[in-house]
PDB file of N, CA and C in Angstrom:
ATOM      1  N   VAL A   1      -2.948   2.026  13.373  1.00  0.00           N
ATOM      2  CA  VAL A   1      -2.814   3.449  13.132  1.00  0.00           C
ATOM      3  C   VAL A   1      -3.401   4.184  14.330  1.00  0.00           C
ATOM      4  N   LEU A   2      -2.575   5.014  14.933  1.00  0.00           N
ATOM      5  CA  LEU A   2      -3.024   5.787  16.084  1.00  0.00           C
ATOM      6  C   LEU A   2      -3.783   7.037  15.676  1.00  0.00           C
ATOM      7  N   ARG A   3      -3.268   7.700  14.623  1.00  0.00           N
ATOM      8  CA  ARG A   3      -3.867   8.969  14.216  1.00  0.00           C
ATOM      9  C   ARG A   3      -3.303   9.361  12.861  1.00  0.00           C
ATOM     10  N   THR A   4      -4.092  10.046  12.073  1.00  0.00           N
ATOM     11  CA  THR A   4      -3.628  10.571  10.797  1.00  0.00           C
ATOM     12  C   THR A   4      -4.103  12.016  10.659  1.00  0.00           C
ATOM     13  N   HIS A   5      -3.438  12.748   9.778  1.00  0.00           N
ATOM     14  CA  HIS A   5      -3.850  14.114   9.450  1.00  0.00           C
ATOM     15  C   HIS A   5      -3.792  14.275   7.943  1.00  0.00           C
ATOM     16  N   PHE A   6      -4.752  14.969   7.413  1.00  0.00           N
ATOM     17  CA  PHE A   6      -4.703  15.363   6.007  1.00  0.00           C
ATOM     18  C   PHE A   6      -4.539  16.868   5.997  1.00  0.00           C
ATOM     19  N   VAL A   7      -3.463  17.349   5.386  1.00  0.00           N
ATOM     20  CA  VAL A   7      -3.201  18.787   5.411  1.00  0.00           C
ATOM     21  C   VAL A   7      -3.820  19.526   4.237  1.00  0.00           C
ATOM     22  N   GLY A   8      -4.544  18.826   3.395  1.00  0.00           N
ATOM     23  CA  GLY A   8      -5.326  19.485   2.357  1.00  0.00           C
ATOM     24  C   GLY A   8      -4.601  19.800   1.072  1.00  0.00           C
ATOM     25  N   ASP A   9      -3.405  19.242   0.888  1.00  0.00           N
ATOM     26  CA  ASP A   9      -2.648  19.541  -0.321  1.00  0.00           C
ATOM     27  C   ASP A   9      -1.562  18.493  -0.488  1.00  0.00           C
ATOM     28  N   VAL A  10      -0.964  18.461  -1.661  1.00  0.00           N
ATOM     29  CA  VAL A  10       0.137  17.528  -1.901  1.00  0.00           C
ATOM     30  C   VAL A  10       1.468  18.109  -1.433  1.00  0.00           C
ATOM     31  N   SER A  11       1.486  19.371  -1.081  1.00  0.00           N
ATOM     32  CA  SER A  11       2.696  20.040  -0.626  1.00  0.00           C
ATOM     33  C   SER A  11       2.365  20.910   0.584  1.00  0.00           C
ATOM     34  N   PRO A  12       3.295  21.015   1.530  1.00  0.00           N
ATOM     35  CA  PRO A  12       3.069  21.899   2.670  1.00  0.00           C
ATOM     36  C   PRO A  12       3.252  23.380   2.332  1.00  0.00           C
ATOM     37  N   ALA A  13       3.630  23.691   1.101  1.00  0.00           N
ATOM     38  CA  ALA A  13       3.915  25.083   0.723  1.00  0.00           C
ATOM     39  C   ALA A  13       2.715  26.006   0.912  1.00  0.00           C
ATOM     40  N   GLY A  14       1.520  25.500   0.701  1.00  0.00           N
ATOM     41  CA  GLY A  14       0.326  26.334   0.807  1.00  0.00           C
ATOM     42  C   GLY A  14       0.010  26.785   2.219  1.00  0.00           C
ATOM     43  N   ASP A  15       0.377  25.982   3.212  1.00  0.00           N
ATOM     44  CA  ASP A  15       0.086  26.318   4.603  1.00  0.00           C
ATOM     45  C   ASP A  15       1.110  25.642   5.519  1.00  0.00           C
ATOM     46  N   PRO A  16       2.334  26.169   5.542  1.00  0.00           N
ATOM     47  CA  PRO A  16       3.383  25.547   6.355  1.00  0.00           C
ATOM     48  C   PRO A  16       3.025  25.406   7.835  1.00  0.00           C
ATOM     49  N   ALA A  17       2.319  26.382   8.388  1.00  0.00           N
ATOM     50  CA  ALA A  17       1.950  26.322   9.807  1.00  0.00           C
ATOM     51  C   ALA A  17       1.023  25.132  10.078  1.00  0.00           C
ATOM     52  N   ARG A  18       0.135  24.853   9.166  1.00  0.00           N
ATOM     53  CA  ARG A  18      -0.768  23.705   9.323  1.00  0.00           C
ATOM     54  C   ARG A  18       0.026  22.404   9.295  1.00  0.00           C
ATOM     55  N   PHE A  19       1.013  22.341   8.411  1.00  0.00           N
ATOM     56  CA  PHE A  19       1.872  21.166   8.332  1.00  0.00           C
ATOM     57  C   PHE A  19       2.594  20.953   9.664  1.00  0.00           C
ATOM     58  N   VAL A  20       3.178  22.007  10.222  1.00  0.00           N
ATOM     59  CA  VAL A  20       3.895  21.913  11.498  1.00  0.00           C
ATOM     60  C   VAL A  20       2.956  21.449  12.600  1.00  0.00           C
ATOM     61  N   LYS A  21       1.759  22.011  12.670  1.00  0.00           N
ATOM     62  CA  LYS A  21       0.783  21.601  13.696  1.00  0.00           C
ATOM     63  C   LYS A  21       0.435  20.124  13.556  1.00  0.00           C
ATOM     64  N   ALA A  22       0.276  19.656  12.325  1.00  0.00           N
ATOM     65  CA  ALA A  22      -0.054  18.254  12.098  1.00  0.00           C
ATOM     66  C   ALA A  22       1.082  17.345  12.558  1.00  0.00           C
ATOM     67  N   VAL A  23       2.316  17.686  12.210  1.00  0.00           N
ATOM     68  CA  VAL A  23       3.475  16.883  12.630  1.00  0.00           C
ATOM     69  C   VAL A  23       3.558  16.838  14.152  1.00  0.00           C
ATOM     70  N   HIS A  24       3.423  17.978  14.787  1.00  0.00           N
ATOM     71  CA  HIS A  24       3.500  18.028  16.249  1.00  0.00           C
ATOM     72  C   HIS A  24       2.383  17.195  16.881  1.00  0.00           C
ATOM     73  N   SER A  25       1.175  17.304  16.345  1.00  0.00           N
ATOM     74  CA  SER A  25       0.038  16.551  16.873  1.00  0.00           C
ATOM     75  C   SER A  25       0.253  15.048  16.736  1.00  0.00           C
ATOM     76  N   LEU A  26       0.753  14.622  15.588  1.00  0.00           N
ATOM     77  CA  LEU A  26       1.001  13.192  15.383  1.00  0.00           C
ATOM     78  C   LEU A  26       2.080  12.678  16.334  1.00  0.00           C
ATOM     79  N   TYR A  27       3.152  13.436  16.480  1.00  0.00           N
ATOM     80  CA  TYR A  27       4.217  13.036  17.399  1.00  0.00           C
ATOM     81  C   TYR A  27       3.701  12.988  18.838  1.00  0.00           C
ATOM     82  N   ASP A  28       2.957  14.007  19.239  1.00  0.00           N
ATOM     83  CA  ASP A  28       2.421  14.055  20.603  1.00  0.00           C
ATOM     84  C   ASP A  28       1.519  12.855  20.884  1.00  0.00           C
ATOM     85  N   THR A  29       0.718  12.466  19.899  1.00  0.00           N
ATOM     86  CA  THR A  29      -0.162  11.302  20.065  1.00  0.00           C
ATOM     87  C   THR A  29       0.668  10.040  20.276  1.00  0.00           C
ATOM     88  N   TRP A  30       1.723   9.875  19.492  1.00  0.00           N
ATOM     89  CA  TRP A  30       2.609   8.716  19.641  1.00  0.00           C
ATOM     90  C   TRP A  30       3.270   8.727  21.015  1.00  0.00           C
ATOM     91  N   ARG A  31       3.812   9.872  21.397  1.00  0.00           N
ATOM     92  CA  ARG A  31       4.543   9.990  22.666  1.00  0.00           C
ATOM     93  C   ARG A  31       3.623   9.848  23.877  1.00  0.00           C
ATOM     94  N   ASP A  32       2.495  10.555  23.864  1.00  0.00           N
ATOM     95  CA  ASP A  32       1.624  10.616  25.036  1.00  0.00           C
ATOM     96  C   ASP A  32       0.598   9.497  25.100  1.00  0.00           C
ATOM     97  N   GLY A  33       0.385   8.810  23.983  1.00  0.00           N
ATOM     98  CA  GLY A  33      -0.628   7.761  23.935  1.00  0.00           C
ATOM     99  C   GLY A  33      -0.131   6.393  24.358  1.00  0.00           C
ATOM    100  N   GLY A  34       1.105   6.299  24.788  1.00  0.00           N
ATOM    101  CA  GLY A  34       1.635   5.035  25.270  1.00  0.00           C
ATOM    102  C   GLY A  34       2.428   4.249  24.252  1.00  0.00           C
ATOM    103  N   ALA A  35       2.359   4.630  22.979  1.00  0.00           N
ATOM    104  CA  ALA A  35       3.077   3.884  21.945  1.00  0.00           C
ATOM    105  C   ALA A  35       4.584   3.967  22.147  1.00  0.00           C
ATOM    106  N   ALA A  36       5.072   5.147  22.514  1.00  0.00           N
ATOM    107  CA  ALA A  36       6.513   5.308  22.733  1.00  0.00           C
ATOM    108  C   ALA A  36       6.972   4.447  23.904  1.00  0.00           C
ATOM    109  N   ALA A  37       6.223   4.489  25.002  1.00  0.00           N
ATOM    110  CA  ALA A  37       6.590   3.715  26.185  1.00  0.00           C
ATOM    111  C   ALA A  37       6.525   2.214  25.913  1.00  0.00           C
ATOM    112  N   ALA A  38       5.640   1.798  25.008  1.00  0.00           N
ATOM    113  CA  ALA A  38       5.498   0.378  24.670  1.00  0.00           C
ATOM    114  C   ALA A  38       6.574  -0.078  23.682  1.00  0.00           C
ATOM    115  N   GLY A  39       7.421   0.849  23.257  1.00  0.00           N
ATOM    116  CA  GLY A  39       8.489   0.493  22.336  1.00  0.00           C
ATOM    117  C   GLY A  39       8.077   0.458  20.879  1.00  0.00           C
ATOM    118  N   MET A  40       6.887   0.973  20.567  1.00  0.00           N
ATOM    119  CA  MET A  40       6.435   1.020  19.177  1.00  0.00           C
ATOM    120  C   MET A  40       7.254   2.062  18.424  1.00  0.00           C
ATOM    121  N   PRO A  41       7.892   1.679  17.329  1.00  0.00           N
ATOM    122  CA  PRO A  41       8.698   2.665  16.599  1.00  0.00           C
ATOM    123  C   PRO A  41       7.824   3.716  15.921  1.00  0.00           C
ATOM    124  N   LEU A  42       8.407   4.846  15.718  1.00  0.00           N
ATOM    125  CA  LEU A  42       7.750   5.924  14.983  1.00  0.00           C
ATOM    126  C   LEU A  42       8.565   6.181  13.724  1.00  0.00           C
ATOM    127  N   VAL A  43       7.926   6.089  12.581  1.00  0.00           N
ATOM    128  CA  VAL A  43       8.581   6.367  11.310  1.00  0.00           C
ATOM    129  C   VAL A  43       7.982   7.652  10.770  1.00  0.00           C
ATOM    130  N   VAL A  44       8.830   8.642  10.524  1.00  0.00           N
ATOM    131  CA  VAL A  44       8.378   9.912   9.974  1.00  0.00           C
ATOM    132  C   VAL A  44       8.966  10.040   8.574  1.00  0.00           C
ATOM    133  N   ASN A  45       8.103  10.009   7.587  1.00  0.00           N
ATOM    134  CA  ASN A  45       8.522  10.178   6.201  1.00  0.00           C
ATOM    135  C   ASN A  45       8.317  11.648   5.856  1.00  0.00           C
ATOM    136  N   THR A  46       9.390  12.403   5.820  1.00  0.00           N
ATOM    137  CA  THR A  46       9.269  13.843   5.577  1.00  0.00           C
ATOM    138  C   THR A  46       8.969  14.123   4.116  1.00  0.00           C
ATOM    139  N   GLN A  47       8.702  15.361   3.801  1.00  0.00           N
ATOM    140  CA  GLN A  47       8.196  15.739   2.489  1.00  0.00           C
ATOM    141  C   GLN A  47       9.264  15.844   1.402  1.00  0.00           C
ATOM    142  N   GLY A  48      10.532  15.738   1.727  1.00  0.00           N
ATOM    143  CA  GLY A  48      11.576  15.702   0.707  1.00  0.00           C
ATOM    144  C   GLY A  48      12.005  17.045   0.141  1.00  0.00           C
ATOM    145  N   TRP A  49      11.417  18.111   0.598  1.00  0.00           N
ATOM    146  CA  TRP A  49      11.715  19.462   0.134  1.00  0.00           C
ATOM    147  C   TRP A  49      12.823  19.989   1.042  1.00  0.00           C
ATOM    148  N   VAL A  50      14.032  20.227   0.517  1.00  0.00           N
ATOM    149  CA  VAL A  50      15.181  20.529   1.379  1.00  0.00           C
ATOM    150  C   VAL A  50      15.783  21.911   1.151  1.00  0.00           C
ATOM    151  N   LYS A  51      15.044  22.791   0.545  1.00  0.00           N
ATOM    152  CA  LYS A  51      15.507  24.172   0.338  1.00  0.00           C
ATOM    153  C   LYS A  51      14.429  25.133   0.831  1.00  0.00           C
ATOM    154  N   GLY A  52      14.846  26.312   1.264  1.00  0.00           N
ATOM    155  CA  GLY A  52      13.907  27.368   1.653  1.00  0.00           C
ATOM    156  C   GLY A  52      12.956  26.927   2.754  1.00  0.00           C
ATOM    157  N   THR A  53      11.672  27.141   2.524  1.00  0.00           N
ATOM    158  CA  THR A  53      10.643  26.791   3.509  1.00  0.00           C
ATOM    159  C   THR A  53      10.664  25.303   3.821  1.00  0.00           C
ATOM    160  N   GLY A  54      10.937  24.477   2.819  1.00  0.00           N
ATOM    161  CA  GLY A  54      10.995  23.035   3.041  1.00  0.00           C
ATOM    162  C   GLY A  54      12.074  22.652   4.034  1.00  0.00           C
ATOM    163  N   LEU A  55      13.221  23.290   3.945  1.00  0.00           N
ATOM    164  CA  LEU A  55      14.296  23.030   4.903  1.00  0.00           C
ATOM    165  C   LEU A  55      13.882  23.494   6.294  1.00  0.00           C
ATOM    166  N   ASP A  56      13.216  24.631   6.376  1.00  0.00           N
ATOM    167  CA  ASP A  56      12.719  25.114   7.673  1.00  0.00           C
ATOM    168  C   ASP A  56      11.757  24.103   8.300  1.00  0.00           C
ATOM    169  N   LEU A  57      10.868  23.531   7.479  1.00  0.00           N
ATOM    170  CA  LEU A  57       9.918  22.536   7.982  1.00  0.00           C
ATOM    171  C   LEU A  57      10.640  21.264   8.417  1.00  0.00           C
ATOM    172  N   LEU A  58      11.642  20.864   7.666  1.00  0.00           N
ATOM    173  CA  LEU A  58      12.413  19.675   8.019  1.00  0.00           C
ATOM    174  C   LEU A  58      13.148  19.882   9.337  1.00  0.00           C
ATOM    175  N   VAL A  59      13.787  21.030   9.494  1.00  0.00           N
ATOM    176  CA  VAL A  59      14.501  21.344  10.735  1.00  0.00           C
ATOM    177  C   VAL A  59      13.526  21.333  11.909  1.00  0.00           C
ATOM    178  N   ASP A  60      12.365  21.955  11.759  1.00  0.00           N
ATOM    179  CA  ASP A  60      11.368  21.971  12.830  1.00  0.00           C
ATOM    180  C   ASP A  60      10.953  20.549  13.196  1.00  0.00           C
ATOM    181  N   THR A  61      10.694  19.727  12.178  1.00  0.00           N
ATOM    182  CA  THR A  61      10.277  18.346  12.421  1.00  0.00           C
ATOM    183  C   THR A  61      11.356  17.578  13.179  1.00  0.00           C
ATOM    184  N   LEU A  62      12.591  17.677  12.734  1.00  0.00           N
ATOM    185  CA  LEU A  62      13.671  16.937  13.380  1.00  0.00           C
ATOM    186  C   LEU A  62      13.910  17.413  14.808  1.00  0.00           C
ATOM    187  N   ARG A  63      13.811  18.700  15.034  1.00  0.00           N
ATOM    188  CA  ARG A  63      13.992  19.215  16.398  1.00  0.00           C
ATOM    189  C   ARG A  63      12.867  18.748  17.308  1.00  0.00           C
ATOM    190  N   TYR A  64      11.672  18.629  16.762  1.00  0.00           N
ATOM    191  CA  TYR A  64      10.522  18.266  17.593  1.00  0.00           C
ATOM    192  C   TYR A  64      10.494  16.776  17.918  1.00  0.00           C
ATOM    193  N   VAL A  65      10.792  15.932  16.951  1.00  0.00           N
ATOM    194  CA  VAL A  65      10.656  14.482  17.181  1.00  0.00           C
ATOM    195  C   VAL A  65      11.925  13.828  17.730  1.00  0.00           C
ATOM    196  N   HIS A  66      13.054  14.518  17.729  1.00  0.00           N
ATOM    197  CA  HIS A  66      14.305  13.963  18.262  1.00  0.00           C
ATOM    198  C   HIS A  66      14.555  12.546  17.746  1.00  0.00           C
ATOM    199  N   PRO A  67      14.816  12.387  16.448  1.00  0.00           N
ATOM    200  CA  PRO A  67      14.974  11.033  15.911  1.00  0.00           C
ATOM    201  C   PRO A  67      16.208  10.324  16.460  1.00  0.00           C
ATOM    202  N   THR A  68      16.113   8.998  16.512  1.00  0.00           N
ATOM    203  CA  THR A  68      17.268   8.195  16.892  1.00  0.00           C
ATOM    204  C   THR A  68      18.024   7.722  15.649  1.00  0.00           C
ATOM    205  N   HIS A  69      17.334   7.697  14.507  1.00  0.00           N
ATOM    206  CA  HIS A  69      17.932   7.302  13.230  1.00  0.00           C
ATOM    207  C   HIS A  69      17.388   8.225  12.150  1.00  0.00           C
ATOM    208  N   LEU A  70      18.249   8.613  11.239  1.00  0.00           N
ATOM    209  CA  LEU A  70      17.822   9.441  10.112  1.00  0.00           C
ATOM    210  C   LEU A  70      18.388   8.819   8.844  1.00  0.00           C
ATOM    211  N   LEU A  71      17.500   8.381   7.971  1.00  0.00           N
ATOM    212  CA  LEU A  71      17.904   7.875   6.668  1.00  0.00           C
ATOM    213  C   LEU A  71      17.781   9.034   5.696  1.00  0.00           C
ATOM    214  N   GLN A  72      18.895   9.493   5.187  1.00  0.00           N
ATOM    215  CA  GLN A  72      18.916  10.664   4.312  1.00  0.00           C
ATOM    216  C   GLN A  72      19.204  10.198   2.888  1.00  0.00           C
ATOM    217  N   VAL A  73      18.157  10.220   2.043  1.00  0.00           N
ATOM    218  CA  VAL A  73      18.326   9.826   0.649  1.00  0.00           C
ATOM    219  C   VAL A  73      19.057  10.946  -0.074  1.00  0.00           C
ATOM    220  N   MET A  74      20.169  10.592  -0.686  1.00  0.00           N
ATOM    221  CA  MET A  74      21.031  11.575  -1.339  1.00  0.00           C
ATOM    222  C   MET A  74      20.845  11.507  -2.861  1.00  0.00           C
ATOM    223  N   ALA A  75      20.592  12.648  -3.467  1.00  0.00           N
ATOM    224  CA  ALA A  75      20.495  12.739  -4.920  1.00  0.00           C
ATOM    225  C   ALA A  75      21.893  12.798  -5.510  1.00  0.00           C
ATOM    226  N   PRO A  76      22.052  12.366  -6.760  1.00  0.00           N
ATOM    227  CA  PRO A  76      23.374  12.474  -7.396  1.00  0.00           C
ATOM    228  C   PRO A  76      23.871  13.922  -7.483  1.00  0.00           C
ATOM    229  N   GLN A  77      22.952  14.875  -7.602  1.00  0.00           N
ATOM    230  CA  GLN A  77      23.312  16.292  -7.667  1.00  0.00           C
ATOM    231  C   GLN A  77      23.319  16.862  -6.236  1.00  0.00           C
ATOM    232  N   ALA A  78      24.497  17.290  -5.779  1.00  0.00           N
ATOM    233  CA  ALA A  78      24.658  17.758  -4.405  1.00  0.00           C
ATOM    234  C   ALA A  78      23.713  18.906  -4.048  1.00  0.00           C
ATOM    235  N   ASN A  79      23.368  19.759  -5.006  1.00  0.00           N
ATOM    236  CA  ASN A  79      22.499  20.904  -4.711  1.00  0.00           C
ATOM    237  C   ASN A  79      21.054  20.491  -4.432  1.00  0.00           C
ATOM    238  N   LYS A  80      20.720  19.215  -4.595  1.00  0.00           N
ATOM    239  CA  LYS A  80      19.359  18.741  -4.319  1.00  0.00           C
ATOM    240  C   LYS A  80      19.266  18.024  -2.980  1.00  0.00           C
ATOM    241  N   ASN A  81      20.340  18.040  -2.214  1.00  0.00           N
ATOM    242  CA  ASN A  81      20.375  17.350  -0.931  1.00  0.00           C
ATOM    243  C   ASN A  81      20.256  18.318   0.234  1.00  0.00           C
ATOM    244  N   ALA A  82      19.794  17.792   1.352  1.00  0.00           N
ATOM    245  CA  ALA A  82      19.804  18.558   2.595  1.00  0.00           C
ATOM    246  C   ALA A  82      21.266  18.749   3.006  1.00  0.00           C
ATOM    247  N   PRO A  83      21.540  19.696   3.869  1.00  0.00           N
ATOM    248  CA  PRO A  83      22.914  19.867   4.345  1.00  0.00           C
ATOM    249  C   PRO A  83      23.425  18.584   5.010  1.00  0.00           C
ATOM    250  N   ASP A  84      24.720  18.402   5.008  1.00  0.00           N
ATOM    251  CA  ASP A  84      25.320  17.225   5.630  1.00  0.00           C
ATOM    252  C   ASP A  84      25.216  17.282   7.147  1.00  0.00           C
ATOM    253  N   GLY A  85      25.308  16.105   7.757  1.00  0.00           N
ATOM    254  CA  GLY A  85      25.405  16.012   9.210  1.00  0.00           C
ATOM    255  C   GLY A  85      24.120  16.325   9.936  1.00  0.00           C
ATOM    256  N   VAL A  86      24.260  16.805  11.154  1.00  0.00           N
ATOM    257  CA  VAL A  86      23.109  17.109  12.010  1.00  0.00           C
ATOM    258  C   VAL A  86      22.761  18.601  11.882  1.00  0.00           C
ATOM    259  N   PHE A  87      22.371  18.970  10.694  1.00  0.00           N
ATOM    260  CA  PHE A  87      22.119  20.370  10.339  1.00  0.00           C
ATOM    261  C   PHE A  87      21.015  21.020  11.153  1.00  0.00           C
ATOM    262  N   TRP A  88      20.214  20.248  11.861  1.00  0.00           N
ATOM    263  CA  TRP A  88      19.124  20.811  12.644  1.00  0.00           C
ATOM    264  C   TRP A  88      19.548  21.190  14.063  1.00  0.00           C
ATOM    265  N   ALA A  89      20.799  20.930  14.435  1.00  0.00           N
ATOM    266  CA  ALA A  89      21.287  21.304  15.765  1.00  0.00           C
ATOM    267  C   ALA A  89      21.272  22.822  15.921  1.00  0.00           C
ATOM    268  N   ARG A  90      20.933  23.296  17.099  1.00  0.00           N
ATOM    269  CA  ARG A  90      20.813  24.736  17.353  1.00  0.00           C
ATOM    270  C   ARG A  90      22.170  25.418  17.526  1.00  0.00           C
ATOM    271  N   ASP A  91      23.120  24.697  18.107  1.00  0.00           N
ATOM    272  CA  ASP A  91      24.452  25.266  18.364  1.00  0.00           C
ATOM    273  C   ASP A  91      25.423  24.109  18.577  1.00  0.00           C
ATOM    274  N   ALA A  92      26.674  24.419  18.895  1.00  0.00           N
ATOM    275  CA  ALA A  92      27.704  23.381  19.032  1.00  0.00           C
ATOM    276  C   ALA A  92      27.371  22.396  20.151  1.00  0.00           C
ATOM    277  N   GLU A  93      26.863  22.886  21.254  1.00  0.00           N
ATOM    278  CA  GLU A  93      26.503  22.001  22.367  1.00  0.00           C
ATOM    279  C   GLU A  93      25.369  21.067  21.966  1.00  0.00           C
ATOM    280  N   ASP A  94      24.358  21.611  21.302  1.00  0.00           N
ATOM    281  CA  ASP A  94      23.234  20.808  20.828  1.00  0.00           C
ATOM    282  C   ASP A  94      23.707  19.817  19.772  1.00  0.00           C
ATOM    283  N   GLU A  95      24.651  20.239  18.928  1.00  0.00           N
ATOM    284  CA  GLU A  95      25.164  19.352  17.886  1.00  0.00           C
ATOM    285  C   GLU A  95      25.771  18.095  18.492  1.00  0.00           C
ATOM    286  N   GLU A  96      26.529  18.242  19.554  1.00  0.00           N
ATOM    287  CA  GLU A  96      27.139  17.080  20.196  1.00  0.00           C
ATOM    288  C   GLU A  96      26.063  16.162  20.764  1.00  0.00           C
ATOM    289  N   ALA A  97      25.051  16.714  21.398  1.00  0.00           N
ATOM    290  CA  ALA A  97      23.962  15.900  21.952  1.00  0.00           C
ATOM    291  C   ALA A  97      23.208  15.175  20.841  1.00  0.00           C
ATOM    292  N   VAL A  98      22.951  15.868  19.744  1.00  0.00           N
ATOM    293  CA  VAL A  98      22.242  15.256  18.626  1.00  0.00           C
ATOM    294  C   VAL A  98      23.083  14.136  18.021  1.00  0.00           C
ATOM    295  N   ARG A  99      24.368  14.368  17.852  1.00  0.00           N
ATOM    296  CA  ARG A  99      25.264  13.332  17.288  1.00  0.00           C
ATOM    297  C   ARG A  99      25.259  12.066  18.149  1.00  0.00           C
ATOM    298  N   GLN A 100      25.175  12.230  19.447  1.00  0.00           N
ATOM    299  CA  GLN A 100      25.150  11.072  20.350  1.00  0.00           C
ATOM    300  C   GLN A 100      23.810  10.355  20.317  1.00  0.00           C
ATOM    301  N   ALA A 101      22.739  11.086  20.049  1.00  0.00           N
ATOM    302  CA  ALA A 101      21.393  10.511  20.101  1.00  0.00           C
ATOM    303  C   ALA A 101      20.882  10.002  18.760  1.00  0.00           C
ATOM    304  N   CYS A 102      21.456  10.459  17.661  1.00  0.00           N
ATOM    305  CA  CYS A 102      20.886  10.150  16.347  1.00  0.00           C
ATOM    306  C   CYS A 102      21.948   9.651  15.373  1.00  0.00           C
ATOM    307  N   ALA A 103      21.691   8.505  14.796  1.00  0.00           N
ATOM    308  CA  ALA A 103      22.563   7.964  13.757  1.00  0.00           C
ATOM    309  C   ALA A 103      22.070   8.485  12.396  1.00  0.00           C
ATOM    310  N   VAL A 104      22.890   9.254  11.704  1.00  0.00           N
ATOM    311  CA  VAL A 104      22.546   9.778  10.376  1.00  0.00           C
ATOM    312  C   VAL A 104      23.151   8.846   9.341  1.00  0.00           C
ATOM    313  N   MET A 105      22.287   8.292   8.485  1.00  0.00           N
ATOM    314  CA  MET A 105      22.738   7.331   7.488  1.00  0.00           C
ATOM    315  C   MET A 105      22.380   7.816   6.093  1.00  0.00           C
ATOM    316  N   PRO A 106      23.377   8.364   5.361  1.00  0.00           N
ATOM    317  CA  PRO A 106      23.093   8.796   3.990  1.00  0.00           C
ATOM    318  C   PRO A 106      22.952   7.584   3.067  1.00  0.00           C
ATOM    319  N   LEU A 107      21.957   7.631   2.203  1.00  0.00           N
ATOM    320  CA  LEU A 107      21.707   6.572   1.221  1.00  0.00           C
ATOM    321  C   LEU A 107      21.740   7.179  -0.160  1.00  0.00           C
ATOM    322  N   SER A 108      22.484   6.607  -1.058  1.00  0.00           N
ATOM    323  CA  SER A 108      22.552   7.123  -2.425  1.00  0.00           C
ATOM    324  C   SER A 108      21.323   6.687  -3.202  1.00  0.00           C
ATOM    325  N   SER A 109      20.711   7.640  -3.887  1.00  0.00           N
ATOM    326  CA  SER A 109      19.586   7.297  -4.756  1.00  0.00           C
ATOM    327  C   SER A 109      20.156   6.985  -6.145  1.00  0.00           C
ATOM    328  N   PRO A 110      19.434   6.194  -6.930  1.00  0.00           N
ATOM    329  CA  PRO A 110      19.930   5.892  -8.272  1.00  0.00           C
ATOM    330  C   PRO A 110      19.979   7.153  -9.134  1.00  0.00           C
ATOM    331  N   ALA A 111      20.933   7.216 -10.014  1.00  0.00           N
ATOM    332  CA  ALA A 111      21.024   8.356 -10.933  1.00  0.00           C
ATOM    333  C   ALA A 111      19.816   8.364 -11.848  1.00  0.00           C
ATOM    334  N   SER A 112      19.307   9.555 -12.124  1.00  0.00           N
ATOM    335  CA  SER A 112      18.123   9.631 -12.984  1.00  0.00           C
ATOM    336  C   SER A 112      18.489  10.068 -14.374  1.00  0.00           C
TER     337      SER A 112
END
């Protein structure tokens, strides 16, 4: 373990800015501490909140860490899922770059 952060709650809703700072700090430590150059993978388990502020936090996280793979767990109810595709792209040009750099793999979750 290179570094951990405790954001003081079970949800980032209470202090979204603190959550963003923690994510950025953890990524920066991985990138700048030599782990990235050594080929150590980085796994980011996001908070699963895909509407409103949660979607904003997810978009910020994905834009900052530039994932190469995204495993998107899909709920049986479409309204509980994040948008399809590379929804965090800033524009059409960015979308093409993201599509080339990141494999998005939707996974179906069991029906509840």
